[in-house]
Amino acid sequence: MAIDINNVLKTLGIEGVNLGVSTGQKWHETKGAVTSSSSPADGKEIAKVKNATIDDYEMVVKKAQEAFKEWRLVPAPERGEIVRQIGLALREYKDELGALVSYEMGKIFQEGLGEVQEMIDICDFAVGQSRLINGVSLQSERREHRLFEQYQPLGIVGIVTSFNFPVAVWAWNSALAAIAGDCVIWKPSSKTPLTAVATQRIINKVLADNNVPEGVFNLIVAKSSVMGDNFLADKRIPLLSVTGSTAVGQRVGGIVGKRLGKTILELGGNNAVIITPNADIKMAIASTVFGTVGTAGQRCTSTRRIIIHESVYDQVRDSMVNAYKSVATKIGNPLDEKSLVGPLIDIHSVNNFRNSVEEVQKEGGKILFGGEVVEGKGFESGNFVMPCIAEAENHYKIVQEETFAPIVYLIKY
């Protein structure tokens, strides 16, 4: 059944121009720039968002500080009940939110649904954890005394999410922070702000129905020039969870570490699969192909290198090429159930892909399949590429770098 994206937007409450600042139940007018979000699938504008200013940021932080004083005193199982209801609300809008994730980010619809399911799953997990916050009791050397541990919430948790998992990463962090008694401030990727606005709208009713203090679940859509270093250096935020490149993580670690803050960093990866002589080649190919082309290679867990024993190298190489030929016929609109590979997020990513294809050849590698930008009807956005297989050696400079796109290097050992 075809997905009507206009109906999806209407159901999720996405308007032509949307407010980008929320402190839970309330949305706030801002004087920041109005930016648009377009789909990488067809290049069309989806909607606009009003960005926050530094004054809006200050307002949200102060609201979160006030909310923390009340939220931290709510019993953990009661906090878990709020998270349970958020999970139920996400279940109700799973199809619509999954479709928006797919359309705004570019991953295929089934992956969009899977991402929302991850949000639901972490809510379920957090509910259980809300009844397991405990501490040990120890013997004291002093009479009529005992020693015991008691966990205390940190305060405000800052969450910076990336475009490739625009809502799941927020859920992983916020569900657990909430049951621990912390308040959260979410800065979503500027490439996928509408999925964040939609998610915040979904949880609005839960917060209102349960009279959750304003400032526990906060959203700020803002440019990095407004929130970047200000967010990282803010001593009022004891913990920052950031998803991004390794370079971003190094910068975050330096700024937050300078003030002795805490960080959770989910960064890049250059992951490898090793195929040995006694491997089940058929199973290895099937699982590896998903690892290389899933989400069009835009995952920190994407497979970038396949290290193959020389005795089975030719068989694996030929099988991979044949599998990619099949995948090539299923590149297209991510909302089309027949598609297995959607677009890259933007032209910048396309250019990085093309540069990597050129670089591996300059270093002596050989392209076995793909590497081109896909053109023609249905690909007018310019963001679709043909997944690439290249023969390479592990010491190549480009092989040691993460290309956030569907290029995989075959390496013989």
Protein backbone atom coordinates (compact mmCIF):
# COMPACT_ATOMS: atom_id res chain seq x y z
CA MET A 1 0.00 0.00 0.00
CA ALA A 2 1.36 3.41 -0.98
CA ILE A 3 2.20 5.77 1.87
CA ASP A 4 0.62 9.23 1.69
CA ILE A 5 3.27 11.43 3.29
CA ASN A 6 0.82 14.33 3.58
CA ASN A 7 -1.48 12.22 5.74
CA VAL A 8 1.53 11.14 7.80
CA LEU A 9 2.49 14.76 8.45
CA LYS A 10 -1.09 15.68 9.34
CA THR A 11 -1.42 12.77 11.78
CA LEU A 12 1.85 13.70 13.48
CA GLY A 13 0.89 17.37 13.74
CA ILE A 14 3.63 18.60 11.42
CA GLU A 15 2.62 21.95 9.95
CA GLY A 16 4.09 24.15 7.25
CA VAL A 17 6.09 26.05 9.89
CA ASN A 18 6.77 24.38 13.24
CA LEU A 19 8.02 25.65 16.57
CA GLY A 20 11.38 24.14 17.48
CA VAL A 21 11.44 24.70 21.25
CA SER A 22 9.42 22.70 23.77
CA THR A 23 9.75 22.25 27.51
CA GLY A 24 7.46 19.24 27.65
CA GLN A 25 3.80 20.10 27.36
CA LYS A 26 4.40 23.63 26.08
CA TRP A 27 5.81 24.92 22.81
CA HIS A 28 7.54 28.29 22.74
CA GLU A 29 7.73 31.00 20.09
CA THR A 30 11.28 31.87 19.08
CA LYS A 31 13.05 34.62 17.17
CA GLY A 32 15.62 32.32 15.61
CA ALA A 33 16.11 31.58 11.93
CA VAL A 34 13.45 29.59 10.10
CA THR A 35 15.03 26.60 8.34
CA SER A 36 13.51 24.04 6.03
CA SER A 37 13.85 20.28 5.99
CA SER A 38 13.82 18.47 2.66
CA SER A 39 13.63 14.79 1.84
CA PRO A 40 16.81 13.26 0.38
CA ALA A 41 14.53 10.94 -1.59
CA ASP A 42 12.94 13.53 -3.87
CA GLY A 43 14.52 16.82 -2.81
CA LYS A 44 11.14 18.32 -1.90
CA GLU A 45 10.71 20.54 1.12
CA ILE A 46 8.77 18.75 3.84
CA ALA A 47 8.25 21.64 6.28
CA LYS A 48 10.00 24.46 8.10
CA VAL A 49 11.13 24.81 11.72
CA LYS A 50 11.69 27.92 13.84
CA ASN A 51 15.12 27.63 15.43
CA ALA A 52 16.06 28.62 18.97
CA THR A 53 18.16 31.60 19.99
CA ILE A 54 20.63 31.72 22.87
CA ASP A 55 17.89 33.32 24.99
CA ASP A 56 15.61 30.37 24.24
CA TYR A 57 18.40 28.02 25.28
CA GLU A 58 18.82 29.85 28.58
CA MET A 59 15.08 29.67 29.21
CA VAL A 60 15.02 25.92 28.63
CA VAL A 61 18.02 25.23 30.88
CA LYS A 62 16.47 27.25 33.72
CA LYS A 63 13.17 25.44 33.24
CA ALA A 64 14.99 22.09 33.41
CA GLN A 65 16.81 23.14 36.56
CA GLU A 66 13.52 23.97 38.26
CA ALA A 67 11.88 20.76 37.06
CA PHE A 68 14.77 18.68 38.39
CA LYS A 69 14.10 19.84 41.93
CA GLU A 70 10.66 18.21 41.72
CA TRP A 71 11.32 15.32 39.34
CA ARG A 72 14.19 13.88 41.37
CA LEU A 73 11.81 13.41 44.33
CA VAL A 74 9.24 11.42 42.34
CA PRO A 75 9.62 7.69 43.19
CA ALA A 76 11.49 5.84 40.46
CA PRO A 77 8.60 3.41 39.74
CA GLU A 78 6.33 6.42 39.16
CA ARG A 79 8.87 7.86 36.76
CA GLY A 80 8.92 4.45 35.09
CA GLU A 81 5.15 4.61 34.64
CA ILE A 82 5.54 7.83 32.64
CA VAL A 83 8.10 6.12 30.42
CA ARG A 84 5.77 3.13 30.02
CA GLN A 85 3.03 5.42 28.75
CA ILE A 86 5.48 7.10 26.36
CA GLY A 87 6.21 3.66 24.94
CA LEU A 88 2.49 3.05 24.46
CA ALA A 89 2.11 6.40 22.68
CA LEU A 90 4.99 5.52 20.36
CA ARG A 91 3.29 2.21 19.58
CA GLU A 92 0.15 4.09 18.58
CA TYR A 93 2.07 6.24 16.09
CA LYS A 94 4.67 3.68 15.04
CA ASP A 95 3.70 3.55 11.35
CA GLU A 96 3.48 7.32 10.93
CA LEU A 97 6.69 8.11 12.80
CA GLY A 98 8.47 5.30 10.97
CA ALA A 99 7.33 6.77 7.65
CA LEU A 100 8.57 10.24 8.60
CA VAL A 101 11.95 8.83 9.67
CA SER A 102 12.15 7.12 6.29
CA TYR A 103 11.14 10.19 4.28
CA GLU A 104 13.21 12.79 6.13
CA MET A 105 16.33 10.66 6.68
CA GLY A 106 16.22 8.33 3.66
CA LYS A 107 16.38 4.87 5.22
CA ILE A 108 13.87 2.38 3.85
CA PHE A 109 10.46 2.18 5.50
CA GLN A 110 11.12 -1.13 7.25
CA GLU A 111 14.22 0.38 8.84
CA GLY A 112 12.16 3.40 9.86
CA LEU A 113 9.68 1.11 11.58
CA GLY A 114 12.56 -0.74 13.18
CA GLU A 115 13.92 2.48 14.59
CA VAL A 116 10.62 3.34 16.24
CA GLN A 117 10.46 -0.21 17.60
CA GLU A 118 13.84 0.41 19.21
CA MET A 119 12.30 3.43 20.95
CA ILE A 120 9.48 1.27 22.23
CA ASP A 121 11.86 -1.48 23.35
CA ILE A 122 14.06 0.88 25.38
CA CYS A 123 10.96 2.28 27.08
CA ASP A 124 9.99 -1.26 28.09
CA PHE A 125 13.52 -1.89 29.34
CA ALA A 126 13.62 1.38 31.29
CA VAL A 127 10.33 0.56 33.04
CA GLY A 128 11.92 -2.56 34.47
CA GLN A 129 15.04 -0.67 35.46
CA SER A 130 12.95 1.86 37.38
CA ARG A 131 12.32 -0.86 39.99
CA LEU A 132 15.94 -2.00 40.11
CA ILE A 133 17.69 1.19 41.21
CA ASN A 134 19.32 -0.07 44.38
CA GLY A 135 22.51 -0.01 46.42
CA VAL A 136 24.43 -2.37 48.67
CA SER A 137 24.33 -2.34 52.46
CA LEU A 138 27.70 -2.78 54.18
CA GLN A 139 28.88 -3.56 57.69
CA SER A 140 30.39 -0.66 59.65
CA GLU A 141 33.23 -0.83 62.16
CA ARG A 142 31.20 1.52 64.35
CA ARG A 143 28.53 0.04 66.61
CA GLU A 144 24.93 0.84 65.85
CA HIS A 145 25.91 2.17 62.43
CA ARG A 146 25.53 0.80 58.93
CA LEU A 147 26.85 1.86 55.53
CA PHE A 148 24.71 1.89 52.45
CA GLU A 149 24.82 3.12 48.86
CA GLN A 150 22.09 5.25 47.40
CA TYR A 151 22.12 6.37 43.79
CA GLN A 152 21.28 10.01 43.12
CA PRO A 153 20.24 11.55 39.78
CA LEU A 154 22.81 13.79 38.11
CA GLY A 155 20.57 16.66 37.02
CA ILE A 156 20.25 17.71 33.38
CA VAL A 157 21.33 15.30 30.64
CA GLY A 158 22.12 16.86 27.27
CA ILE A 159 21.39 14.67 24.23
CA VAL A 160 22.81 15.46 20.79
CA THR A 161 21.57 13.09 18.10
CA SER A 162 22.73 12.39 14.56
CA PHE A 163 20.67 12.22 11.35
CA ASN A 164 21.13 8.51 10.75
CA PHE A 165 19.16 7.43 13.83
CA PRO A 166 17.23 10.64 14.40
CA VAL A 167 14.87 9.43 17.13
CA ALA A 168 16.07 6.07 18.49
CA VAL A 169 19.22 7.53 20.07
CA TRP A 170 17.10 10.13 21.88
CA ALA A 171 14.93 7.33 23.29
CA TRP A 172 17.90 5.23 24.41
CA ASN A 173 19.19 8.14 26.46
CA SER A 174 16.04 9.91 27.60
CA ALA A 175 14.10 6.84 28.79
CA LEU A 176 16.91 5.81 31.12
CA ALA A 177 17.68 9.36 32.21
CA ALA A 178 14.02 9.93 33.06
CA ILE A 179 13.65 6.85 35.28
CA ALA A 180 16.89 7.82 37.03
CA GLY A 181 15.36 11.17 37.95
CA ASP A 182 17.20 13.34 35.43
CA CYS A 183 15.78 15.94 33.06
CA VAL A 184 16.80 15.90 29.39
CA ILE A 185 17.53 18.56 26.79
CA TRP A 186 17.49 17.21 23.24
CA LYS A 187 19.31 18.87 20.38
CA PRO A 188 18.44 16.90 17.22
CA SER A 189 20.39 16.94 13.97
CA SER A 190 19.68 19.99 11.82
CA LYS A 191 19.25 17.54 8.93
CA THR A 192 16.29 15.75 10.56
CA PRO A 193 14.46 18.22 12.84
CA LEU A 194 10.93 17.16 11.93
CA THR A 195 11.26 13.66 13.35
CA ALA A 196 12.23 15.30 16.65
CA VAL A 197 9.28 17.71 16.54
CA ALA A 198 6.95 14.79 15.79
CA THR A 199 8.36 12.72 18.66
CA GLN A 200 7.96 15.61 21.09
CA ARG A 201 4.35 16.05 19.97
CA ILE A 202 3.67 12.35 20.57
CA ILE A 203 4.87 12.53 24.17
CA ASN A 204 3.16 15.90 24.86
CA LYS A 205 -0.14 14.27 25.78
CA VAL A 206 1.49 11.74 28.10
CA LEU A 207 3.23 14.54 29.97
CA ALA A 208 0.02 16.56 30.20
CA ASP A 209 -2.13 13.62 31.31
CA ASN A 210 0.29 12.85 34.14
CA ASN A 211 1.05 16.44 35.12
CA VAL A 212 4.77 15.91 34.58
CA PRO A 213 6.69 19.05 35.60
CA GLU A 214 7.43 21.39 32.71
CA GLY A 215 11.11 21.03 31.89
CA VAL A 216 11.66 17.28 32.27
CA PHE A 217 11.56 16.47 28.55
CA ASN A 218 12.93 19.40 26.53
CA LEU A 219 13.55 19.90 22.82
CA ILE A 220 15.69 22.62 21.24
CA VAL A 221 16.07 22.82 17.46
CA ALA A 222 19.01 25.18 16.98
CA LYS A 223 22.01 25.81 14.80
CA SER A 224 25.41 24.72 16.09
CA SER A 225 26.45 28.37 16.23
CA VAL A 226 23.80 28.83 18.95
CA MET A 227 24.05 25.59 20.90
CA GLY A 228 27.34 23.99 19.92
CA ASP A 229 30.06 25.13 22.31
CA ASN A 230 27.53 26.76 24.64
CA PHE A 231 25.89 23.39 25.23
CA LEU A 232 29.17 21.55 25.69
CA ALA A 233 30.73 24.06 28.04
CA ASP A 234 27.63 24.57 30.20
CA LYS A 235 28.48 23.54 33.77
CA ARG A 236 24.76 23.23 34.54
CA ILE A 237 24.68 20.09 32.38
CA PRO A 238 26.70 17.37 34.15
CA LEU A 239 26.28 14.73 31.44
CA LEU A 240 26.25 15.03 27.67
CA SER A 241 25.43 12.15 25.34
CA VAL A 242 26.63 12.88 21.81
CA THR A 243 26.34 10.81 18.66
CA GLY A 244 28.55 11.83 15.74
CA SER A 245 31.88 11.36 14.01
CA THR A 246 35.11 10.54 15.81
CA ALA A 247 36.31 14.09 15.15
CA VAL A 248 33.16 15.44 16.79
CA GLY A 249 33.72 13.15 19.76
CA GLN A 250 37.29 14.39 20.20
CA ARG A 251 36.05 17.97 20.24
CA VAL A 252 33.21 17.16 22.66
CA GLY A 253 35.53 15.24 24.96
CA GLY A 254 37.95 18.14 25.10
CA ILE A 255 35.37 20.80 25.91
CA VAL A 256 33.32 18.77 28.39
CA GLY A 257 36.40 17.23 29.97
CA LYS A 258 37.88 20.65 30.61
CA ARG A 259 35.04 21.33 33.05
CA LEU A 260 35.20 17.75 34.42
CA GLY A 261 31.81 16.92 32.97
CA LYS A 262 30.71 13.44 31.99
CA THR A 263 30.17 12.21 28.43
CA ILE A 264 28.59 9.30 26.60
CA LEU A 265 30.05 9.26 23.08
CA GLU A 266 28.77 7.09 20.25
CA LEU A 267 31.15 7.81 17.40
CA GLY A 268 32.36 6.44 14.08
CA GLY A 269 33.47 2.95 13.22
CA ASN A 270 35.54 1.13 10.60
CA ASN A 271 34.08 -2.31 11.09
CA ALA A 272 35.38 -5.51 9.56
CA VAL A 273 34.04 -8.99 8.84
CA ILE A 274 36.60 -11.80 8.70
CA ILE A 275 35.67 -14.76 6.49
CA THR A 276 37.71 -17.88 7.25
CA PRO A 277 38.17 -21.02 5.12
CA ASN A 278 35.58 -23.00 7.09
CA ALA A 279 32.92 -20.27 7.07
CA ASP A 280 29.37 -20.84 5.80
CA ILE A 281 29.85 -18.68 2.72
CA LYS A 282 26.18 -18.42 1.81
CA MET A 283 25.24 -17.19 5.28
CA ALA A 284 28.27 -14.92 5.44
CA ILE A 285 27.35 -13.20 2.17
CA ALA A 286 23.72 -12.65 3.18
CA SER A 287 24.58 -11.13 6.55
CA THR A 288 27.52 -9.12 5.24
CA VAL A 289 25.55 -7.52 2.42
CA PHE A 290 23.00 -6.21 4.91
CA GLY A 291 25.88 -4.85 6.97
CA THR A 292 27.39 -3.03 4.00
CA VAL A 293 24.34 -1.54 2.25
CA GLY A 294 21.78 -1.25 5.07
CA THR A 295 20.84 2.40 5.70
CA ALA A 296 22.93 3.06 2.56
CA GLY A 297 26.06 2.54 4.64
CA GLN A 298 25.19 5.40 6.98
CA ARG A 299 25.64 3.59 10.28
CA CYS A 300 28.57 3.65 12.66
CA THR A 301 28.12 -0.14 12.68
CA SER A 302 28.14 -0.52 8.88
CA THR A 303 30.59 -3.08 7.51
CA ARG A 304 33.45 -1.22 5.78
CA ARG A 305 36.01 -4.03 5.33
CA ILE A 306 35.72 -7.71 4.48
CA ILE A 307 38.92 -9.61 5.28
CA ILE A 308 38.86 -12.90 3.35
CA HIS A 309 41.14 -15.93 3.47
CA GLU A 310 42.90 -16.48 0.16
CA SER A 311 41.47 -20.00 -0.19
CA VAL A 312 37.89 -18.67 -0.42
CA TYR A 313 38.62 -15.17 -1.71
CA ASP A 314 37.50 -15.72 -5.30
CA GLN A 315 34.27 -17.41 -4.20
CA VAL A 316 33.41 -14.62 -1.75
CA ARG A 317 34.33 -11.89 -4.23
CA ASP A 318 32.15 -13.33 -6.98
CA SER A 319 29.26 -13.97 -4.59
CA MET A 320 29.42 -10.40 -3.29
CA VAL A 321 29.36 -8.96 -6.80
CA ASN A 322 26.36 -11.13 -7.73
CA ALA A 323 24.54 -10.07 -4.56
CA TYR A 324 25.21 -6.39 -5.35
CA LYS A 325 23.81 -6.85 -8.84
CA SER A 326 20.56 -7.94 -7.23
CA VAL A 327 20.64 -5.01 -4.77
CA ALA A 328 21.18 -2.61 -7.68
CA THR A 329 17.67 -3.34 -8.95
CA LYS A 330 16.16 -2.39 -5.59
CA ILE A 331 17.53 1.12 -5.09
CA GLY A 332 14.77 3.69 -4.90
CA ASN A 333 12.20 5.65 -2.95
CA PRO A 334 12.58 4.59 0.70
CA LEU A 335 8.81 4.62 1.19
CA ASP A 336 8.41 2.02 -1.58
CA GLU A 337 8.24 -1.40 0.06
CA LYS A 338 10.20 -2.86 -2.88
CA SER A 339 13.24 -0.69 -2.16
CA LEU A 340 16.15 -2.13 -0.19
CA VAL A 341 18.49 0.88 -0.44
CA GLY A 342 17.45 4.51 -0.17
CA PRO A 343 19.41 7.74 -0.75
CA LEU A 344 22.29 9.28 1.10
CA ILE A 345 21.30 12.15 3.36
CA ASP A 346 22.60 14.97 1.13
CA ILE A 347 24.94 15.98 -1.69
CA HIS A 348 27.82 16.39 0.78
CA SER A 349 27.60 12.68 1.57
CA VAL A 350 27.39 11.87 -2.12
CA ASN A 351 30.59 13.81 -2.73
CA ASN A 352 32.35 12.00 0.12
CA PHE A 353 31.31 8.70 -1.46
CA ARG A 354 32.65 9.74 -4.87
CA ASN A 355 35.91 10.95 -3.32
CA SER A 356 36.42 7.60 -1.58
CA VAL A 357 35.84 5.74 -4.84
CA GLU A 358 38.49 7.91 -6.51
CA GLU A 359 40.95 7.66 -3.62
CA VAL A 360 40.94 3.88 -3.38
CA GLN A 361 41.75 3.69 -7.08
CA LYS A 362 44.57 6.24 -6.74
CA GLU A 363 46.10 4.07 -4.01
CA GLY A 364 46.05 1.01 -6.26
CA GLY A 365 42.63 -0.49 -5.53
CA LYS A 366 40.22 -1.88 -8.09
CA ILE A 367 36.50 -1.19 -8.35
CA LEU A 368 34.60 -4.45 -8.79
CA PHE A 369 31.10 -3.02 -8.73
CA GLY A 370 29.25 0.29 -8.43
CA GLY A 371 30.66 3.58 -7.31
CA GLU A 372 28.48 5.82 -9.47
CA VAL A 373 25.75 8.31 -8.74
CA VAL A 374 22.41 6.85 -9.85
CA GLU A 375 20.56 8.99 -12.38
CA GLY A 376 17.26 8.87 -14.23
CA LYS A 377 13.58 8.90 -13.35
CA GLY A 378 12.97 8.74 -9.63
CA PHE A 379 16.54 9.73 -8.80
CA GLU A 380 16.33 13.44 -9.55
CA SER A 381 17.39 14.46 -6.03
CA GLY A 382 20.95 13.44 -6.88
CA ASN A 383 21.38 11.63 -3.54
CA PHE A 384 21.24 8.03 -4.76
CA VAL A 385 24.46 6.09 -5.33
CA MET A 386 25.30 2.60 -6.53
CA PRO A 387 26.81 0.63 -3.61
CA CYS A 388 30.49 0.00 -4.30
CA ILE A 389 32.78 -3.01 -3.87
CA ALA A 390 36.50 -2.34 -4.14
CA GLU A 391 39.53 -4.60 -3.88
CA ALA A 392 42.05 -2.95 -1.58
CA GLU A 393 44.86 -3.46 0.90
CA ASN A 394 44.42 -2.72 4.57
CA HIS A 395 47.29 -0.21 4.68
CA TYR A 396 45.60 2.15 2.21
CA LYS A 397 44.88 5.48 3.87
CA ILE A 398 41.29 5.56 2.59
CA VAL A 399 40.66 2.06 3.97
CA GLN A 400 41.63 3.28 7.44
CA GLU A 401 39.03 6.06 7.27
CA GLU A 402 35.28 5.85 7.76
CA THR A 403 33.28 6.74 4.66
CA PHE A 404 29.67 7.21 5.74
CA ALA A 405 28.30 5.65 2.57
CA PRO A 406 27.92 2.20 0.94
CA ILE A 407 31.51 1.38 -0.03
CA VAL A 408 33.16 -1.82 1.17
CA TYR A 409 36.76 -2.95 0.73
CA LEU A 410 37.70 -6.59 0.05
CA ILE A 411 41.05 -7.49 1.63
CA LYS A 412 42.83 -10.82 1.13
CA TYR A 413 44.79 -12.54 3.86
